[in-house]
């Protein structure tokens, strides 16, 4: 399965995201969506699953969960924003979900790919406005191979 990973859009969906995500099987949004219209635009491309982040308002919090656990190609995948950890790190996320195979998170705006044992931790970075002197980015997760592969895309 090829999965688009996006986070921290803060209400802004860049047109190049739509082009990069075209043809994917699923899109996962790791919170701080900012506006439900972002999810609606992504749903035109592929099914979308999302969690809310610390800046999302009541409308999104009523629609989305704080965390999502699902199976993907035999992997146990966790989707979470990560703000409840202060600064989410693979160690903190591993302690919270010791049985996860893949953890996708956001909040820091920094792209990250790290393996702890057999588990994969991915932060696609922030796809909204450039902040903290970081380039906006997304990622694509391919779960068909072993181990799963991740490709980052700067916007």
Protein backbone atom coordinates (compact mmCIF):
# COMPACT_ATOMS: atom_id res chain seq x y z
CA UNK A 1 0.00 0.00 0.00
CA UNK A 2 1.26 3.48 -0.84
CA UNK A 3 0.27 6.05 1.78
CA UNK A 4 0.63 9.83 1.72
CA UNK A 5 1.78 11.28 5.05
CA UNK A 6 0.99 14.89 5.88
CA UNK A 7 0.88 16.97 9.03
CA UNK A 8 0.62 20.50 10.34
CA UNK A 9 -1.18 22.04 7.38
CA UNK A 10 -2.70 24.69 9.67
CA UNK A 11 -5.46 25.33 7.12
CA UNK A 12 -3.19 25.54 4.07
CA UNK A 13 -3.08 22.85 1.41
CA UNK A 14 -0.49 23.51 -1.27
CA UNK A 15 -1.38 22.49 -4.82
CA UNK A 16 1.84 20.48 -5.17
CA UNK A 17 0.66 18.19 -2.35
CA UNK A 18 -2.30 17.17 -4.50
CA UNK A 19 0.03 16.38 -7.41
CA UNK A 20 2.40 14.28 -5.26
CA UNK A 21 -0.44 12.36 -3.59
CA UNK A 22 -2.30 11.53 -6.83
CA UNK A 23 -2.62 7.75 -7.26
CA UNK A 24 -1.99 6.81 -3.62
CA UNK A 25 -4.11 4.26 -1.75
CA UNK A 26 -4.56 6.27 1.47
CA UNK A 27 -3.64 9.61 3.03
CA UNK A 28 -2.87 9.99 6.74
CA UNK A 29 -2.98 13.47 8.31
CA UNK A 30 -1.14 13.67 11.65
CA UNK A 31 -3.00 16.66 13.06
CA UNK A 32 -3.06 20.45 13.19
CA UNK A 33 -5.31 20.26 10.16
CA UNK A 34 -6.56 23.80 10.71
CA UNK A 35 -9.66 23.59 8.52
CA UNK A 36 -11.91 20.68 7.54
CA UNK A 37 -11.68 21.85 3.91
CA UNK A 38 -8.10 20.53 3.88
CA UNK A 39 -9.42 17.02 4.51
CA UNK A 40 -12.19 17.46 1.93
CA UNK A 41 -9.65 18.45 -0.75
CA UNK A 42 -7.42 15.48 0.12
CA UNK A 43 -10.42 13.10 -0.02
CA UNK A 44 -10.79 13.90 -3.72
CA UNK A 45 -7.46 12.08 -4.26
CA UNK A 46 -7.70 9.11 -1.87
CA UNK A 47 -9.39 8.01 1.35
CA UNK A 48 -8.19 10.13 4.28
CA UNK A 49 -7.74 9.26 7.93
CA UNK A 50 -6.74 12.03 10.31
CA UNK A 51 -6.24 12.88 13.95
CA UNK A 52 -6.57 16.28 15.56
CA UNK A 53 -3.66 18.34 16.87
CA UNK A 54 -3.26 20.91 19.61
CA UNK A 55 -4.24 23.88 17.39
CA UNK A 56 -7.37 22.26 15.94
CA UNK A 57 -10.67 23.72 17.11
CA UNK A 58 -13.78 22.04 18.48
CA UNK A 59 -15.28 21.30 15.06
CA UNK A 60 -12.31 19.11 14.12
CA UNK A 61 -11.96 17.64 17.61
CA UNK A 62 -15.59 16.52 17.43
CA UNK A 63 -14.95 14.89 14.03
CA UNK A 64 -11.51 13.35 14.59
CA UNK A 65 -9.82 11.24 17.25
CA UNK A 66 -6.65 12.10 19.17
CA UNK A 67 -5.04 8.88 17.99
CA UNK A 68 -5.75 6.15 15.49
CA UNK A 69 -4.49 2.57 15.50
CA UNK A 70 -5.05 0.44 12.40
CA UNK A 71 -3.61 -2.43 10.44
CA UNK A 72 -1.83 -1.78 7.15
CA UNK A 73 -0.36 -4.67 5.14
CA UNK A 74 0.16 -6.71 8.32
CA UNK A 75 1.72 -3.79 10.23
CA UNK A 76 0.21 -2.17 13.31
CA UNK A 77 0.23 1.55 12.48
CA UNK A 78 -0.36 4.38 14.97
CA UNK A 79 -1.30 7.90 13.82
CA UNK A 80 -1.00 10.65 16.43
CA UNK A 81 -0.15 14.35 16.50
CA UNK A 82 2.21 13.96 19.44
CA UNK A 83 1.66 17.21 21.35
CA UNK A 84 0.73 15.33 24.53
CA UNK A 85 4.41 14.36 24.82
CA UNK A 86 5.62 17.97 24.71
CA UNK A 87 8.21 17.27 22.08
CA UNK A 88 7.40 13.85 20.65
CA UNK A 89 10.42 11.58 20.19
CA UNK A 90 10.63 7.98 19.00
CA UNK A 91 11.54 6.90 22.55
CA UNK A 92 8.44 8.56 24.05
CA UNK A 93 6.20 7.24 21.29
CA UNK A 94 7.66 3.73 21.64
CA UNK A 95 6.88 3.78 25.37
CA UNK A 96 3.26 4.74 24.62
CA UNK A 97 2.78 2.14 21.84
CA UNK A 98 5.27 -0.68 22.46
CA UNK A 99 3.47 -3.00 20.02
CA UNK A 100 3.38 -0.54 17.10
CA UNK A 101 5.26 -1.37 13.92
CA UNK A 102 4.88 2.10 12.40
CA UNK A 103 4.17 5.37 14.23
CA UNK A 104 3.31 8.47 12.19
CA UNK A 105 3.30 11.76 14.09
CA UNK A 106 3.58 15.51 13.64
CA UNK A 107 3.76 18.56 15.93
CA UNK A 108 7.50 19.33 15.67
CA UNK A 109 7.33 20.44 11.99
CA UNK A 110 10.65 18.57 11.48
CA UNK A 111 10.80 15.63 9.09
CA UNK A 112 12.10 12.55 10.86
CA UNK A 113 12.63 8.90 10.01
CA UNK A 114 13.99 6.66 12.75
CA UNK A 115 13.95 2.96 13.51
CA UNK A 116 13.91 1.62 17.05
CA UNK A 117 14.28 -2.11 16.85
CA UNK A 118 11.82 -3.24 14.21
CA UNK A 119 9.53 -0.19 14.64
CA UNK A 120 9.52 2.73 12.22
CA UNK A 121 8.84 6.31 13.42
CA UNK A 122 7.94 8.91 10.79
CA UNK A 123 7.22 12.62 11.02
CA UNK A 124 6.49 13.97 7.52
CA UNK A 125 7.26 17.52 8.64
CA UNK A 126 4.84 20.42 8.23
CA UNK A 127 3.02 20.94 4.95
CA UNK A 128 1.53 24.36 5.77
CA UNK A 129 3.28 27.69 5.86
CA UNK A 130 7.04 27.57 6.34
CA UNK A 131 7.90 28.08 10.01
CA UNK A 132 10.90 27.66 12.28
CA UNK A 133 13.28 28.02 9.29
CA UNK A 134 12.12 24.62 7.99
CA UNK A 135 11.03 23.81 4.44
CA UNK A 136 7.45 22.49 4.16
CA UNK A 137 7.38 18.75 3.46
CA UNK A 138 5.30 15.61 3.13
CA UNK A 139 6.21 11.93 2.86
CA UNK A 140 5.11 8.79 1.08
CA UNK A 141 5.11 5.47 2.96
CA UNK A 142 5.23 2.24 0.98
CA UNK A 143 4.26 -0.71 3.16
CA UNK A 144 4.47 -3.39 0.45
CA UNK A 145 8.14 -4.21 1.05
CA UNK A 146 10.01 -5.28 4.13
CA UNK A 147 10.99 -3.08 5.73
CA UNK A 148 8.47 -0.39 4.76
CA UNK A 149 10.04 2.47 2.80
CA UNK A 150 9.60 6.21 3.29
CA UNK A 151 10.34 9.00 0.83
CA UNK A 152 10.30 12.66 1.91
CA UNK A 153 9.26 15.42 -0.48
CA UNK A 154 10.14 19.07 0.11
CA UNK A 155 7.47 21.48 -1.09
